[in-house]
Amino acid sequence: MQYNPQNPLIVQGDKTVLLEVNNSLYQEARDHLARFAELEKSPEYIHTYRISPLSLWNAASTGLAADVIVAGLARYSKYPLPGNVEVDIREYVGRYGRVRLIRQEGDLLLTSADMALILELQRHKELKPYILDQIDDLSLRVDPARRGHIKQALVNIGYPAEDLAGYVTGDAVNFELRPTTSAGTEFALRDYQREAGDVFYAGGAAHGGSGVIVLPCGAGKTIVG
């Protein structure tokens, strides 16, 4: 692409992104960045975002593809993208899901289609304390009581797990929301509150039930939770 001064982004080689606020494409570019980059500074005229491995892995966990990320950056950037930025984005997004946590016959397994990667992880000192034994060339049985520690170790190693192990169904808690507030005004879930809960729960699928719901102050997180 050629230099386009009308665009709002400057993408730098260290994966920081500068966004011009007083630009007609500001909102479009901001909404795109919010899907895979972290806002670091937001003074009046220029906002600074950073693209990190963790922000890319979080994006990948929602199903966002590297092609979409790169295409959006190219669409809104004033200058051609630095070559290393596109390479790094594709590399990091490609790492998400190369290992998976699954439940099989009551055991928690760490699996991969890459035999060499399983061997590498089996030998890694940060993961070793949580490995119980090797099932086969593509699977390790790991300690279910250390599920969170295992996922954190895999992030540190650079291969974040896609967690498909699901959760044990607990006892039902019966409750209902009041149709009116204590002041007598009508009360109901807002659309975005219901959507946040639905996305978190994912219909009870194995990939649902974990994560963080982020809403602005005063948006009603207590009701969602």
Protein backbone atom coordinates (compact mmCIF):
# COMPACT_ATOMS: atom_id res chain seq x y z
CA MET A 1 0.00 0.00 0.00
CA GLN A 2 1.02 3.63 -0.48
CA TYR A 3 1.13 6.43 2.08
CA ASN A 4 -2.41 7.60 2.89
CA PRO A 5 -2.49 10.68 5.15
CA GLN A 6 -6.28 10.41 5.51
CA ASN A 7 -6.02 7.21 7.55
CA PRO A 8 -5.93 7.40 11.37
CA LEU A 9 -3.32 4.76 12.32
CA ILE A 10 0.45 4.61 12.53
CA VAL A 11 1.62 1.03 13.15
CA GLN A 12 5.18 0.86 14.51
CA GLY A 13 7.73 -1.93 14.41
CA ASP A 14 7.55 -2.51 18.18
CA LYS A 15 3.83 -3.28 17.73
CA THR A 16 2.60 -0.05 19.27
CA VAL A 17 -0.20 1.61 17.33
CA LEU A 18 -0.96 5.35 17.35
CA LEU A 19 -4.56 6.36 16.68
CA GLU A 20 -5.58 9.90 15.73
CA VAL A 21 -8.73 10.92 17.61
CA ASN A 22 -9.68 13.81 15.32
CA ASN A 23 -10.11 11.64 12.27
CA SER A 24 -13.28 10.67 10.44
CA LEU A 25 -12.27 6.99 10.64
CA TYR A 26 -11.43 7.12 14.34
CA GLN A 27 -14.40 5.09 15.57
CA GLU A 28 -14.00 2.38 12.93
CA ALA A 29 -10.29 2.02 13.63
CA ARG A 30 -10.82 2.09 17.41
CA ASP A 31 -13.44 -0.66 17.23
CA HIS A 32 -11.08 -2.79 15.16
CA LEU A 33 -8.13 -2.27 17.53
CA ALA A 34 -10.27 -3.06 20.58
CA ARG A 35 -10.59 -6.65 19.37
CA PHE A 36 -6.88 -7.50 19.60
CA ALA A 37 -4.84 -4.64 21.12
CA GLU A 38 -4.51 -3.08 24.58
CA LEU A 39 -5.13 0.63 25.13
CA GLU A 40 -2.11 2.03 26.99
CA LYS A 41 -2.55 5.81 26.84
CA SER A 42 -5.46 8.02 25.82
CA PRO A 43 -4.57 11.72 25.89
CA GLU A 44 -6.71 14.19 23.97
CA TYR A 45 -5.45 13.80 20.41
CA ILE A 46 -3.46 10.56 20.07
CA HIS A 47 -4.31 7.21 21.68
CA THR A 48 -1.61 4.55 22.03
CA TYR A 49 -2.37 0.84 21.73
CA ARG A 50 -0.04 -2.13 22.07
CA ILE A 51 -0.35 -5.46 20.27
CA SER A 52 1.01 -8.15 22.60
CA PRO A 53 1.11 -11.95 22.50
CA LEU A 54 -1.56 -12.07 25.22
CA SER A 55 -3.87 -9.62 23.45
CA LEU A 56 -3.55 -11.66 20.25
CA TRP A 57 -4.22 -14.93 22.06
CA ASN A 58 -7.31 -13.43 23.69
CA ALA A 59 -8.46 -12.33 20.24
CA ALA A 60 -7.78 -15.77 18.79
CA SER A 61 -9.81 -17.36 21.59
CA THR A 62 -12.86 -15.43 20.34
CA GLY A 63 -12.34 -16.76 16.81
CA LEU A 64 -10.66 -13.67 15.35
CA ALA A 65 -8.34 -14.70 12.49
CA ALA A 66 -4.90 -13.27 11.74
CA ASP A 67 -6.04 -12.34 8.22
CA VAL A 68 -8.78 -10.13 9.66
CA ILE A 69 -6.38 -8.42 12.08
CA VAL A 70 -3.77 -7.73 9.41
CA ALA A 71 -6.32 -6.58 6.83
CA GLY A 72 -7.84 -4.12 9.29
CA LEU A 73 -4.48 -2.65 10.23
CA ALA A 74 -3.59 -2.24 6.57
CA ARG A 75 -6.98 -0.68 5.89
CA TYR A 76 -6.58 2.09 8.50
CA SER A 77 -2.80 2.63 8.51
CA LYS A 78 -1.17 5.72 7.01
CA TYR A 79 1.93 3.73 6.06
CA PRO A 80 2.65 0.17 4.89
CA LEU A 81 2.73 -2.27 7.81
CA PRO A 82 6.21 -3.12 9.10
CA GLY A 83 7.02 -6.62 7.87
CA ASN A 84 7.83 -7.95 11.32
CA VAL A 85 4.43 -6.88 12.66
CA GLU A 86 2.47 -9.00 10.19
CA VAL A 87 4.83 -11.96 10.71
CA ASP A 88 4.49 -11.73 14.50
CA ILE A 89 0.71 -11.42 14.38
CA ARG A 90 0.40 -14.55 12.25
CA GLU A 91 2.90 -16.42 14.41
CA TYR A 92 1.22 -15.63 17.74
CA VAL A 93 -2.34 -16.16 16.53
CA GLY A 94 -1.22 -19.45 14.98
CA ARG A 95 0.04 -20.68 18.34
CA TYR A 96 -3.34 -20.46 20.02
CA GLY A 97 -5.05 -23.84 20.10
CA ARG A 98 -2.02 -25.88 19.08
CA VAL A 99 -2.43 -27.50 22.47
CA ARG A 100 -5.78 -28.32 24.04
CA LEU A 101 -7.06 -29.31 27.43
CA ILE A 102 -9.77 -31.96 27.18
CA ARG A 103 -11.62 -34.28 29.55
CA GLN A 104 -11.45 -38.01 28.80
CA GLU A 105 -12.86 -40.71 31.07
CA GLY A 106 -12.46 -38.45 34.10
CA ASP A 107 -8.86 -37.49 33.30
CA LEU A 108 -7.60 -34.06 32.28
CA LEU A 109 -5.45 -34.39 29.15
CA LEU A 110 -3.13 -31.96 27.42
CA THR A 111 -3.20 -32.85 23.73
CA SER A 112 -1.71 -31.67 20.45
CA ALA A 113 -1.51 -32.86 16.86
CA ASP A 114 2.21 -31.97 16.99
CA MET A 115 4.27 -34.79 18.48
CA ALA A 116 7.40 -32.63 18.74
CA LEU A 117 5.48 -29.97 20.66
CA ILE A 118 4.16 -32.51 23.17
CA LEU A 119 7.73 -33.72 23.71
CA GLU A 120 8.92 -30.14 24.21
CA LEU A 121 6.18 -29.42 26.73
CA GLN A 122 6.79 -32.68 28.59
CA ARG A 123 10.39 -31.64 29.18
CA HIS A 124 9.70 -28.01 30.08
CA LYS A 125 10.56 -27.27 33.71
CA GLU A 126 7.57 -24.95 34.20
CA LEU A 127 5.06 -27.61 33.16
CA LYS A 128 6.76 -30.71 34.58
CA PRO A 129 5.27 -30.42 38.11
CA TYR A 130 1.75 -30.75 36.71
CA ILE A 131 2.31 -33.73 34.38
CA LEU A 132 1.17 -37.06 35.82
CA ASP A 133 2.17 -39.31 32.92
CA GLN A 134 2.18 -39.65 29.14
CA ILE A 135 -0.85 -41.32 27.54
CA ASP A 136 0.58 -41.53 24.01
CA ASP A 137 2.71 -39.50 21.59
CA LEU A 138 0.07 -36.78 21.40
CA SER A 139 -1.37 -36.68 24.94
CA LEU A 140 -0.20 -35.96 28.48
CA ARG A 141 -2.30 -36.64 31.57
CA VAL A 142 -2.09 -33.61 33.84
CA ASP A 143 -3.21 -32.73 37.37
CA PRO A 144 -6.85 -31.55 37.24
CA ALA A 145 -6.42 -29.71 40.54
CA ARG A 146 -3.80 -27.49 38.89
CA ARG A 147 -5.76 -26.61 35.77
CA GLY A 148 -5.26 -22.86 36.21
CA HIS A 149 -1.54 -23.28 36.92
CA ILE A 150 -1.19 -25.42 33.79
CA LYS A 151 -2.85 -22.79 31.61
CA GLN A 152 -0.67 -20.04 33.09
CA ALA A 153 2.47 -22.11 32.52
CA LEU A 154 1.48 -22.70 28.89
CA VAL A 155 0.99 -18.95 28.38
CA ASN A 156 4.44 -18.33 29.84
CA ILE A 157 5.94 -20.98 27.56
CA GLY A 158 4.22 -19.39 24.56
CA TYR A 159 1.59 -22.00 23.68
CA PRO A 160 -1.74 -20.97 25.24
CA ALA A 161 -4.16 -23.88 25.57
CA GLU A 162 -7.63 -24.02 24.12
CA ASP A 163 -9.56 -25.22 27.15
CA LEU A 164 -12.25 -27.68 26.09
CA ALA A 165 -12.35 -29.65 29.33
CA GLY A 166 -15.61 -28.09 30.49
CA TYR A 167 -16.85 -28.08 34.07
CA VAL A 168 -18.70 -30.42 36.40
CA THR A 169 -22.37 -29.46 36.63
CA GLY A 170 -23.19 -28.26 40.14
CA ASP A 171 -26.46 -28.16 42.05
CA ALA A 172 -29.06 -25.82 40.63
CA VAL A 173 -29.65 -22.52 42.43
CA ASN A 174 -33.24 -21.39 42.09
CA PHE A 175 -33.76 -17.63 41.92
CA GLU A 176 -35.56 -15.04 39.85
CA LEU A 177 -35.09 -11.35 39.12
CA ARG A 178 -37.67 -8.92 40.44
CA PRO A 179 -39.78 -7.18 37.79
CA THR A 180 -39.54 -3.87 39.68
CA THR A 181 -36.88 -2.09 41.73
CA SER A 182 -37.28 -1.16 45.40
CA ALA A 183 -38.28 2.30 44.16
CA GLY A 184 -41.10 0.79 42.13
CA THR A 185 -39.63 1.35 38.67
CA GLU A 186 -39.67 -1.36 36.00
CA PHE A 187 -36.63 -3.63 36.03
CA ALA A 188 -35.31 -6.02 33.36
CA LEU A 189 -31.99 -7.14 31.96
CA ARG A 190 -30.60 -4.82 29.32
CA ASP A 191 -29.79 -6.41 25.96
CA TYR A 192 -26.02 -6.08 26.45
CA GLN A 193 -26.26 -7.68 29.92
CA ARG A 194 -28.12 -10.67 28.54
CA GLU A 195 -25.67 -10.91 25.63
CA ALA A 196 -22.68 -10.80 28.01
CA GLY A 197 -24.10 -13.65 30.07
CA ASP A 198 -24.94 -15.69 26.98
CA VAL A 199 -21.44 -15.28 25.53
CA PHE A 200 -19.87 -16.28 28.85
CA TYR A 201 -22.03 -19.38 29.28
CA ALA A 202 -21.86 -20.35 25.58
CA GLY A 203 -24.98 -22.47 25.91
CA GLY A 204 -23.20 -24.84 28.29
CA ALA A 205 -20.60 -25.82 25.67
CA ALA A 206 -17.19 -27.10 26.78
CA HIS A 207 -15.47 -23.85 25.78
CA GLY A 208 -17.85 -21.73 27.89
CA GLY A 209 -18.06 -20.97 31.59
CA SER A 210 -14.69 -19.28 32.12
CA GLY A 211 -13.28 -15.86 31.45
CA VAL A 212 -13.99 -12.30 32.52
CA ILE A 213 -16.98 -10.14 31.65
CA VAL A 214 -15.80 -6.54 31.24
CA LEU A 215 -18.33 -3.70 31.33
CA PRO A 216 -18.01 0.03 32.14
CA CYS A 217 -18.74 1.46 35.58
CA GLY A 218 -22.48 1.62 36.19
CA ALA A 219 -23.30 -0.86 33.45
CA GLY A 220 -24.72 -3.45 35.86
CA LYS A 221 -21.96 -6.05 36.25
CA THR A 222 -23.51 -7.26 39.52
CA ILE A 223 -26.65 -8.33 37.69
CA VAL A 224 -24.65 -10.05 34.95
CA GLY A 225 -22.55 -11.95 37.48
